Full PDB file with SEQRES, HELIX, SHEET, SSBOND, CRYST1, ORIGX, SCALE, CONECT and MASTER records, all heavy atoms in Angstrom:
SEQRES   1 A   37  GLY ARG LYS SER THR PRO PHE ALA ALA LEU SER ARG SER          
SEQRES   2 A   37  GLY ALA PHE THR ARG GLY ALA THR LEU ILE LEU ALA LEU          
SEQRES   3 A   37  PRO GLY SER PRO ALA GLY ALA VAL GLU SER LEU                  
HELIX    1 AA1 PRO A    6  LEU A   10  5                                   5    
HELIX    2 AA2 PRO A   30  SER A   36  1                                   7    
SHEET    1 AA1 2 GLY A  14  ARG A  18  0                                        
SHEET    2 AA1 2 THR A  21  ALA A  25 -1                                        
CRYST1    1.000    1.000    1.000  90.00  90.00  90.00 P 1           1          
ORIGX1      1.000000  0.000000  0.000000        0.00000                         
ORIGX2      0.000000  1.000000  0.000000        0.00000                         
ORIGX3      0.000000  0.000000  1.000000        0.00000                         
SCALE1      1.000000  0.000000  0.000000        0.00000                         
SCALE2      0.000000  1.000000  0.000000        0.00000                         
SCALE3      0.000000  0.000000  1.000000        0.00000                         
ATOM      1  N   GLY A   1      -2.883  -2.033   8.060  1.00  0.00           N  
ATOM      2  CA  GLY A   1      -4.203  -1.676   7.564  1.00  0.00           C  
ATOM      3  C   GLY A   1      -5.326  -2.445   8.225  1.00  0.00           C  
ATOM      4  O   GLY A   1      -6.429  -1.922   8.417  1.00  0.00           O  
ATOM      5  N   ARG A   2      -5.076  -3.693   8.593  1.00  0.00           N  
ATOM      6  CA  ARG A   2      -6.098  -4.514   9.253  1.00  0.00           C  
ATOM      7  C   ARG A   2      -6.526  -3.927  10.592  1.00  0.00           C  
ATOM      8  O   ARG A   2      -7.607  -4.235  11.079  1.00  0.00           O  
ATOM      9  CB  ARG A   2      -5.593  -5.948   9.464  1.00  0.00           C  
ATOM     10  CG  ARG A   2      -5.453  -6.756   8.218  1.00  0.00           C  
ATOM     11  CD  ARG A   2      -6.675  -7.494   7.802  1.00  0.00           C  
ATOM     12  NE  ARG A   2      -7.097  -8.470   8.811  1.00  0.00           N  
ATOM     13  CZ  ARG A   2      -8.306  -8.975   8.848  1.00  0.00           C  
ATOM     14  NH1 ARG A   2      -9.200  -8.631   7.957  1.00  0.00           N  
ATOM     15  NH2 ARG A   2      -8.638  -9.848   9.771  1.00  0.00           N  
ATOM     16  N   LYS A   3      -5.700  -3.083  11.169  1.00  0.00           N  
ATOM     17  CA  LYS A   3      -6.073  -2.435  12.434  1.00  0.00           C  
ATOM     18  C   LYS A   3      -7.162  -1.400  12.216  1.00  0.00           C  
ATOM     19  O   LYS A   3      -7.886  -1.052  13.140  1.00  0.00           O  
ATOM     20  CB  LYS A   3      -4.843  -1.808  13.093  1.00  0.00           C  
ATOM     21  CG  LYS A   3      -3.843  -2.862  13.540  1.00  0.00           C  
ATOM     22  CD  LYS A   3      -2.595  -2.260  14.121  1.00  0.00           C  
ATOM     23  CE  LYS A   3      -1.631  -3.389  14.506  1.00  0.00           C  
ATOM     24  NZ  LYS A   3      -0.359  -2.881  14.980  1.00  0.00           N  
ATOM     25  N   SER A   4      -7.274  -0.895  10.985  1.00  0.00           N  
ATOM     26  CA  SER A   4      -8.298   0.099  10.639  1.00  0.00           C  
ATOM     27  C   SER A   4      -9.506  -0.513   9.951  1.00  0.00           C  
ATOM     28  O   SER A   4     -10.627  -0.075  10.167  1.00  0.00           O  
ATOM     29  CB  SER A   4      -7.711   1.169   9.708  1.00  0.00           C  
ATOM     30  OG  SER A   4      -6.653   1.835  10.314  1.00  0.00           O  
ATOM     31  N   THR A   5      -9.265  -1.504   9.097  1.00  0.00           N  
ATOM     32  CA  THR A   5     -10.353  -2.118   8.341  1.00  0.00           C  
ATOM     33  C   THR A   5     -10.004  -3.560   7.982  1.00  0.00           C  
ATOM     34  O   THR A   5      -8.873  -3.820   7.541  1.00  0.00           O  
ATOM     35  CB  THR A   5     -10.680  -1.339   7.050  1.00  0.00           C  
ATOM     36  OG1 THR A   5     -11.674  -2.054   6.309  1.00  0.00           O  
ATOM     37  CG2 THR A   5      -9.462  -1.126   6.184  1.00  0.00           C  
ATOM     38  N   PRO A   6     -10.953  -4.470   8.124  1.00  0.00           N  
ATOM     39  CA  PRO A   6     -10.666  -5.859   7.734  1.00  0.00           C  
ATOM     40  C   PRO A   6     -10.436  -6.005   6.232  1.00  0.00           C  
ATOM     41  O   PRO A   6      -9.810  -6.960   5.792  1.00  0.00           O  
ATOM     42  CB  PRO A   6     -11.912  -6.628   8.182  1.00  0.00           C  
ATOM     43  CG  PRO A   6     -12.985  -5.605   8.321  1.00  0.00           C  
ATOM     44  CD  PRO A   6     -12.296  -4.322   8.663  1.00  0.00           C  
ATOM     45  N   PHE A   7     -10.903  -5.046   5.440  1.00  0.00           N  
ATOM     46  CA  PHE A   7     -10.749  -5.115   3.992  1.00  0.00           C  
ATOM     47  C   PHE A   7      -9.319  -4.860   3.529  1.00  0.00           C  
ATOM     48  O   PHE A   7      -9.005  -5.081   2.355  1.00  0.00           O  
ATOM     49  CB  PHE A   7     -11.710  -4.151   3.304  1.00  0.00           C  
ATOM     50  CG  PHE A   7     -13.152  -4.492   3.553  1.00  0.00           C  
ATOM     51  CD1 PHE A   7     -13.977  -3.613   4.231  1.00  0.00           C  
ATOM     52  CD2 PHE A   7     -13.676  -5.706   3.146  1.00  0.00           C  
ATOM     53  CE1 PHE A   7     -15.298  -3.929   4.482  1.00  0.00           C  
ATOM     54  CE2 PHE A   7     -14.998  -6.041   3.391  1.00  0.00           C  
ATOM     55  CZ  PHE A   7     -15.816  -5.149   4.064  1.00  0.00           C  
ATOM     56  N   ALA A   8      -8.441  -4.415   4.430  1.00  0.00           N  
ATOM     57  CA  ALA A   8      -7.039  -4.204   4.060  1.00  0.00           C  
ATOM     58  C   ALA A   8      -6.403  -5.496   3.560  1.00  0.00           C  
ATOM     59  O   ALA A   8      -5.469  -5.458   2.750  1.00  0.00           O  
ATOM     60  CB  ALA A   8      -6.252  -3.646   5.241  1.00  0.00           C  
ATOM     61  N   ALA A   9      -6.910  -6.626   4.009  1.00  0.00           N  
ATOM     62  CA  ALA A   9      -6.359  -7.910   3.572  1.00  0.00           C  
ATOM     63  C   ALA A   9      -6.585  -8.145   2.078  1.00  0.00           C  
ATOM     64  O   ALA A   9      -5.894  -8.961   1.469  1.00  0.00           O  
ATOM     65  CB  ALA A   9      -6.985  -9.043   4.375  1.00  0.00           C  
ATOM     66  N   LEU A  10      -7.538  -7.436   1.485  1.00  0.00           N  
ATOM     67  CA  LEU A  10      -7.820  -7.586   0.059  1.00  0.00           C  
ATOM     68  C   LEU A  10      -6.886  -6.747  -0.815  1.00  0.00           C  
ATOM     69  O   LEU A  10      -6.872  -6.894  -2.032  1.00  0.00           O  
ATOM     70  CB  LEU A  10      -9.272  -7.196  -0.231  1.00  0.00           C  
ATOM     71  CG  LEU A  10     -10.338  -8.000   0.504  1.00  0.00           C  
ATOM     72  CD1 LEU A  10     -11.722  -7.446   0.173  1.00  0.00           C  
ATOM     73  CD2 LEU A  10     -10.234  -9.474   0.180  1.00  0.00           C  
ATOM     74  N   SER A  11      -6.123  -5.866  -0.188  1.00  0.00           N  
ATOM     75  CA  SER A  11      -5.207  -5.005  -0.943  1.00  0.00           C  
ATOM     76  C   SER A  11      -4.061  -5.813  -1.524  1.00  0.00           C  
ATOM     77  O   SER A  11      -3.533  -6.728  -0.897  1.00  0.00           O  
ATOM     78  CB  SER A  11      -4.631  -3.917  -0.026  1.00  0.00           C  
ATOM     79  OG  SER A  11      -3.634  -3.194  -0.704  1.00  0.00           O  
ATOM     80  N   ARG A  12      -3.668  -5.441  -2.727  1.00  0.00           N  
ATOM     81  CA  ARG A  12      -2.514  -6.066  -3.377  1.00  0.00           C  
ATOM     82  C   ARG A  12      -1.342  -5.093  -3.392  1.00  0.00           C  
ATOM     83  O   ARG A  12      -0.469  -5.162  -4.248  1.00  0.00           O  
ATOM     84  CB  ARG A  12      -2.895  -6.527  -4.785  1.00  0.00           C  
ATOM     85  CG  ARG A  12      -3.987  -7.601  -4.731  1.00  0.00           C  
ATOM     86  CD  ARG A  12      -4.440  -8.127  -6.078  1.00  0.00           C  
ATOM     87  NE  ARG A  12      -4.751  -7.079  -7.027  1.00  0.00           N  
ATOM     88  CZ  ARG A  12      -4.123  -6.926  -8.196  1.00  0.00           C  
ATOM     89  NH1 ARG A  12      -3.173  -7.734  -8.574  1.00  0.00           N  
ATOM     90  NH2 ARG A  12      -4.468  -5.936  -8.995  1.00  0.00           N  
ATOM     91  N   SER A  13      -1.321  -4.192  -2.403  1.00  0.00           N  
ATOM     92  CA  SER A  13      -0.226  -3.234  -2.275  1.00  0.00           C  
ATOM     93  C   SER A  13       1.091  -3.976  -2.093  1.00  0.00           C  
ATOM     94  O   SER A  13       1.121  -5.078  -1.556  1.00  0.00           O  
ATOM     95  CB  SER A  13      -0.452  -2.322  -1.073  1.00  0.00           C  
ATOM     96  OG  SER A  13      -1.599  -1.541  -1.269  1.00  0.00           O  
ATOM     97  N   GLY A  14       2.167  -3.341  -2.545  1.00  0.00           N  
ATOM     98  CA  GLY A  14       3.464  -3.970  -2.409  1.00  0.00           C  
ATOM     99  C   GLY A  14       4.585  -3.067  -2.863  1.00  0.00           C  
ATOM    100  O   GLY A  14       4.374  -1.877  -3.119  1.00  0.00           O  
ATOM    101  N   ALA A  15       5.768  -3.640  -2.957  1.00  0.00           N  
ATOM    102  CA  ALA A  15       6.950  -2.870  -3.337  1.00  0.00           C  
ATOM    103  C   ALA A  15       7.762  -3.640  -4.371  1.00  0.00           C  
ATOM    104  O   ALA A  15       7.801  -4.877  -4.367  1.00  0.00           O  
ATOM    105  CB  ALA A  15       7.807  -2.569  -2.119  1.00  0.00           C  
ATOM    106  N   PHE A  16       8.389  -2.871  -5.225  1.00  0.00           N  
ATOM    107  CA  PHE A  16       9.198  -3.403  -6.313  1.00  0.00           C  
ATOM    108  C   PHE A  16      10.430  -2.525  -6.459  1.00  0.00           C  
ATOM    109  O   PHE A  16      10.471  -1.413  -5.923  1.00  0.00           O  
ATOM    110  CB  PHE A  16       8.407  -3.368  -7.632  1.00  0.00           C  
ATOM    111  CG  PHE A  16       7.082  -4.077  -7.553  1.00  0.00           C  
ATOM    112  CD1 PHE A  16       5.954  -3.419  -7.092  1.00  0.00           C  
ATOM    113  CD2 PHE A  16       6.977  -5.405  -7.935  1.00  0.00           C  
ATOM    114  CE1 PHE A  16       4.728  -4.072  -7.013  1.00  0.00           C  
ATOM    115  CE2 PHE A  16       5.759  -6.064  -7.861  1.00  0.00           C  
ATOM    116  CZ  PHE A  16       4.625  -5.399  -7.399  1.00  0.00           C  
ATOM    117  N   THR A  17      11.412  -3.000  -7.200  1.00  0.00           N  
ATOM    118  CA  THR A  17      12.569  -2.179  -7.509  1.00  0.00           C  
ATOM    119  C   THR A  17      12.814  -2.225  -9.015  1.00  0.00           C  
ATOM    120  O   THR A  17      12.471  -3.190  -9.696  1.00  0.00           O  
ATOM    121  CB  THR A  17      13.845  -2.664  -6.787  1.00  0.00           C  
ATOM    122  OG1 THR A  17      14.209  -3.953  -7.287  1.00  0.00           O  
ATOM    123  CG2 THR A  17      13.642  -2.720  -5.279  1.00  0.00           C  
ATOM    124  N   ARG A  18      13.380  -1.157  -9.489  1.00  0.00           N  
ATOM    125  CA  ARG A  18      13.903  -1.108 -10.862  1.00  0.00           C  
ATOM    126  C   ARG A  18      15.158  -0.261 -10.771  1.00  0.00           C  
ATOM    127  O   ARG A  18      15.090   0.918 -10.404  1.00  0.00           O  
ATOM    128  CB  ARG A  18      12.912  -0.506 -11.838  1.00  0.00           C  
ATOM    129  CG  ARG A  18      13.491  -0.483 -13.272  1.00  0.00           C  
ATOM    130  CD  ARG A  18      12.468  -0.010 -14.277  1.00  0.00           C  
ATOM    131  NE  ARG A  18      13.080   0.180 -15.571  1.00  0.00           N  
ATOM    132  CZ  ARG A  18      13.077  -0.710 -16.559  1.00  0.00           C  
ATOM    133  NH1 ARG A  18      12.480  -1.876 -16.404  1.00  0.00           N  
ATOM    134  NH2 ARG A  18      13.661  -0.447 -17.716  1.00  0.00           N  
ATOM    135  N   GLY A  19      16.297  -0.873 -11.063  1.00  0.00           N  
ATOM    136  CA  GLY A  19      17.553  -0.165 -10.901  1.00  0.00           C  
ATOM    137  C   GLY A  19      17.703   0.279  -9.455  1.00  0.00           C  
ATOM    138  O   GLY A  19      17.526  -0.505  -8.531  1.00  0.00           O  
ATOM    139  N   ALA A  20      17.994   1.555  -9.264  1.00  0.00           N  
ATOM    140  CA  ALA A  20      18.190   2.103  -7.929  1.00  0.00           C  
ATOM    141  C   ALA A  20      16.933   2.779  -7.393  1.00  0.00           C  
ATOM    142  O   ALA A  20      17.013   3.594  -6.479  1.00  0.00           O  
ATOM    143  CB  ALA A  20      19.354   3.098  -7.952  1.00  0.00           C  
ATOM    144  N   THR A  21      15.773   2.444  -7.948  1.00  0.00           N  
ATOM    145  CA  THR A  21      14.521   3.082  -7.544  1.00  0.00           C  
ATOM    146  C   THR A  21      13.612   2.089  -6.839  1.00  0.00           C  
ATOM    147  O   THR A  21      13.409   0.977  -7.321  1.00  0.00           O  
ATOM    148  CB  THR A  21      13.795   3.668  -8.773  1.00  0.00           C  
ATOM    149  OG1 THR A  21      14.677   4.586  -9.434  1.00  0.00           O  
ATOM    150  CG2 THR A  21      12.529   4.404  -8.371  1.00  0.00           C  
ATOM    151  N   LEU A  22      13.059   2.523  -5.712  1.00  0.00           N  
ATOM    152  CA  LEU A  22      12.061   1.753  -4.983  1.00  0.00           C  
ATOM    153  C   LEU A  22      10.688   2.214  -5.447  1.00  0.00           C  
ATOM    154  O   LEU A  22      10.432   3.418  -5.545  1.00  0.00           O  
ATOM    155  CB  LEU A  22      12.210   1.985  -3.475  1.00  0.00           C  
ATOM    156  CG  LEU A  22      11.212   1.263  -2.570  1.00  0.00           C  
ATOM    157  CD1 LEU A  22      11.387  -0.254  -2.659  1.00  0.00           C  
ATOM    158  CD2 LEU A  22      11.394   1.741  -1.125  1.00  0.00           C  
ATOM    159  N   ILE A  23       9.810   1.271  -5.737  1.00  0.00           N  
ATOM    160  CA  ILE A  23       8.472   1.581  -6.250  1.00  0.00           C  
ATOM    161  C   ILE A  23       7.446   0.967  -5.304  1.00  0.00           C  
ATOM    162  O   ILE A  23       7.465  -0.241  -5.067  1.00  0.00           O  
ATOM    163  CB  ILE A  23       8.282   0.988  -7.666  1.00  0.00           C  
ATOM    164  CG1 ILE A  23       9.397   1.447  -8.599  1.00  0.00           C  
ATOM    165  CG2 ILE A  23       6.897   1.339  -8.211  1.00  0.00           C  
ATOM    166  CD1 ILE A  23       9.658   0.512  -9.766  1.00  0.00           C  
ATOM    167  N   LEU A  24       6.569   1.805  -4.755  1.00  0.00           N  
ATOM    168  CA  LEU A  24       5.504   1.319  -3.883  1.00  0.00           C  
ATOM    169  C   LEU A  24       4.175   1.416  -4.605  1.00  0.00           C  
ATOM    170  O   LEU A  24       3.854   2.455  -5.182  1.00  0.00           O  
ATOM    171  CB  LEU A  24       5.420   2.139  -2.594  1.00  0.00           C  
ATOM    172  CG  LEU A  24       6.611   2.106  -1.655  1.00  0.00           C  
ATOM    173  CD1 LEU A  24       6.285   2.893  -0.383  1.00  0.00           C  
ATOM    174  CD2 LEU A  24       7.023   0.698  -1.306  1.00  0.00           C  
ATOM    175  N   ALA A  25       3.404   0.349  -4.557  1.00  0.00           N  
ATOM    176  CA  ALA A  25       2.036   0.340  -5.068  1.00  0.00           C  
ATOM    177  C   ALA A  25       1.125   0.425  -3.854  1.00  0.00           C  
ATOM    178  O   ALA A  25       1.062  -0.510  -3.052  1.00  0.00           O  
ATOM    179  CB  ALA A  25       1.777  -0.937  -5.861  1.00  0.00           C  
ATOM    180  N   LEU A  26       0.463   1.563  -3.710  1.00  0.00           N  
ATOM    181  CA  LEU A  26      -0.346   1.864  -2.528  1.00  0.00           C  
ATOM    182  C   LEU A  26      -1.828   1.907  -2.879  1.00  0.00           C  
ATOM    183  O   LEU A  26      -2.196   2.114  -4.037  1.00  0.00           O  
ATOM    184  CB  LEU A  26       0.082   3.223  -1.952  1.00  0.00           C  
ATOM    185  CG  LEU A  26       1.563   3.369  -1.594  1.00  0.00           C  
ATOM    186  CD1 LEU A  26       1.926   4.823  -1.355  1.00  0.00           C  
ATOM    187  CD2 LEU A  26       1.888   2.524  -0.378  1.00  0.00           C  
ATOM    188  N   PRO A  27      -2.701   1.763  -1.882  1.00  0.00           N  
ATOM    189  CA  PRO A  27      -4.140   1.859  -2.149  1.00  0.00           C  
ATOM    190  C   PRO A  27      -4.527   3.203  -2.754  1.00  0.00           C  
ATOM    191  O   PRO A  27      -3.780   4.187  -2.655  1.00  0.00           O  
ATOM    192  CB  PRO A  27      -4.769   1.695  -0.761  1.00  0.00           C  
ATOM    193  CG  PRO A  27      -3.738   0.999   0.052  1.00  0.00           C  
ATOM    194  CD  PRO A  27      -2.413   1.476  -0.479  1.00  0.00           C  
ATOM    195  N   GLY A  28      -5.713   3.240  -3.325  1.00  0.00           N  
ATOM    196  CA  GLY A  28      -6.187   4.451  -3.991  1.00  0.00           C  
ATOM    197  C   GLY A  28      -6.926   5.424  -3.097  1.00  0.00           C  
ATOM    198  O   GLY A  28      -7.089   6.583  -3.457  1.00  0.00           O  
ATOM    199  N   SER A  29      -7.376   5.003  -1.926  1.00  0.00           N  
ATOM    200  CA  SER A  29      -8.052   5.951  -1.034  1.00  0.00           C  
ATOM    201  C   SER A  29      -7.005   6.810  -0.341  1.00  0.00           C  
ATOM    202  O   SER A  29      -5.909   6.328  -0.022  1.00  0.00           O  
ATOM    203  CB  SER A  29      -8.886   5.211   0.017  1.00  0.00           C  
ATOM    204  OG  SER A  29      -8.047   4.631   0.997  1.00  0.00           O  
ATOM    205  N   PRO A  30      -7.310   8.093  -0.093  1.00  0.00           N  
ATOM    206  CA  PRO A  30      -6.327   8.949   0.577  1.00  0.00           C  
ATOM    207  C   PRO A  30      -5.876   8.380   1.921  1.00  0.00           C  
ATOM    208  O   PRO A  30      -4.673   8.327   2.209  1.00  0.00           O  
ATOM    209  CB  PRO A  30      -7.057  10.277   0.750  1.00  0.00           C  
ATOM    210  CG  PRO A  30      -8.084  10.291  -0.336  1.00  0.00           C  
ATOM    211  CD  PRO A  30      -8.501   8.851  -0.499  1.00  0.00           C  
ATOM    212  N   ALA A  31      -6.822   7.924   2.734  1.00  0.00           N  
ATOM    213  CA  ALA A  31      -6.461   7.393   4.049  1.00  0.00           C  
ATOM    214  C   ALA A  31      -5.642   6.109   3.911  1.00  0.00           C  
ATOM    215  O   ALA A  31      -4.634   5.926   4.605  1.00  0.00           O  
ATOM    216  CB  ALA A  31      -7.711   7.131   4.881  1.00  0.00           C  
ATOM    217  N   GLY A  32      -6.054   5.222   3.020  1.00  0.00           N  
ATOM    218  CA  GLY A  32      -5.326   3.970   2.824  1.00  0.00           C  
ATOM    219  C   GLY A  32      -3.925   4.197   2.280  1.00  0.00           C  
ATOM    220  O   GLY A  32      -2.976   3.518   2.684  1.00  0.00           O  
ATOM    221  N   ALA A  33      -3.785   5.147   1.374  1.00  0.00           N  
ATOM    222  CA  ALA A  33      -2.468   5.436   0.796  1.00  0.00           C  
ATOM    223  C   ALA A  33      -1.513   5.956   1.860  1.00  0.00           C  
ATOM    224  O   ALA A  33      -0.376   5.482   1.980  1.00  0.00           O  
ATOM    225  CB  ALA A  33      -2.613   6.444  -0.343  1.00  0.00           C  
ATOM    226  N   VAL A  34      -1.969   6.919   2.648  1.00  0.00           N  
ATOM    227  CA  VAL A  34      -1.106   7.513   3.679  1.00  0.00           C  
ATOM    228  C   VAL A  34      -0.828   6.500   4.789  1.00  0.00           C  
ATOM    229  O   VAL A  34       0.310   6.386   5.258  1.00  0.00           O  
ATOM    230  CB  VAL A  34      -1.724   8.819   4.231  1.00  0.00           C  
ATOM    231  CG1 VAL A  34      -0.964   9.310   5.455  1.00  0.00           C  
ATOM    232  CG2 VAL A  34      -1.729   9.890   3.143  1.00  0.00           C  
ATOM    233  N   GLU A  35      -1.852   5.758   5.194  1.00  0.00           N  
ATOM    234  CA  GLU A  35      -1.647   4.753   6.240  1.00  0.00           C  
ATOM    235  C   GLU A  35      -0.639   3.696   5.791  1.00  0.00           C  
ATOM    236  O   GLU A  35       0.226   3.279   6.566  1.00  0.00           O  
ATOM    237  CB  GLU A  35      -2.976   4.092   6.585  1.00  0.00           C  
ATOM    238  CG  GLU A  35      -2.883   3.098   7.721  1.00  0.00           C  
ATOM    239  CD  GLU A  35      -4.240   2.536   8.092  1.00  0.00           C  
ATOM    240  OE1 GLU A  35      -4.724   1.634   7.368  1.00  0.00           O  
ATOM    241  OE2 GLU A  35      -4.814   3.010   9.085  1.00  0.00           O  
ATOM    242  N   SER A  36      -0.742   3.265   4.551  1.00  0.00           N  
ATOM    243  CA  SER A  36       0.203   2.275   4.028  1.00  0.00           C  
ATOM    244  C   SER A  36       1.606   2.847   3.940  1.00  0.00           C  
ATOM    245  O   SER A  36       2.583   2.157   4.265  1.00  0.00           O  
ATOM    246  CB  SER A  36      -0.264   1.771   2.666  1.00  0.00           C  
ATOM    247  OG  SER A  36      -1.461   1.041   2.795  1.00  0.00           O  
ATOM    248  N   LEU A  37       1.728   4.078   3.496  1.00  0.00           N  
ATOM    249  CA  LEU A  37       3.039   4.723   3.447  1.00  0.00           C  
ATOM    250  C   LEU A  37       3.626   4.822   4.849  1.00  0.00           C  
ATOM    251  O   LEU A  37       4.805   4.492   5.069  1.00  0.00           O  
ATOM    252  CB  LEU A  37       2.944   6.112   2.806  1.00  0.00           C  
ATOM    253  CG  LEU A  37       4.250   6.917   2.779  1.00  0.00           C  
ATOM    254  CD1 LEU A  37       5.336   6.194   1.997  1.00  0.00           C  
ATOM    255  CD2 LEU A  37       3.990   8.303   2.210  1.00  0.00           C  
TER     256      LEU A  37                                                      
MASTER        0    0    0    2    2    0    0    6  255    1    0    3          
END                                                                             
């Protein structure tokens, strides 16, 4: 994300698991969400 915007460093995006499921917490902007994915 930092390649697109310096504000990406402020994101608290991340990944978690529960059982056999992977959970991604992605930004709320369409571009940020897809770029992070």
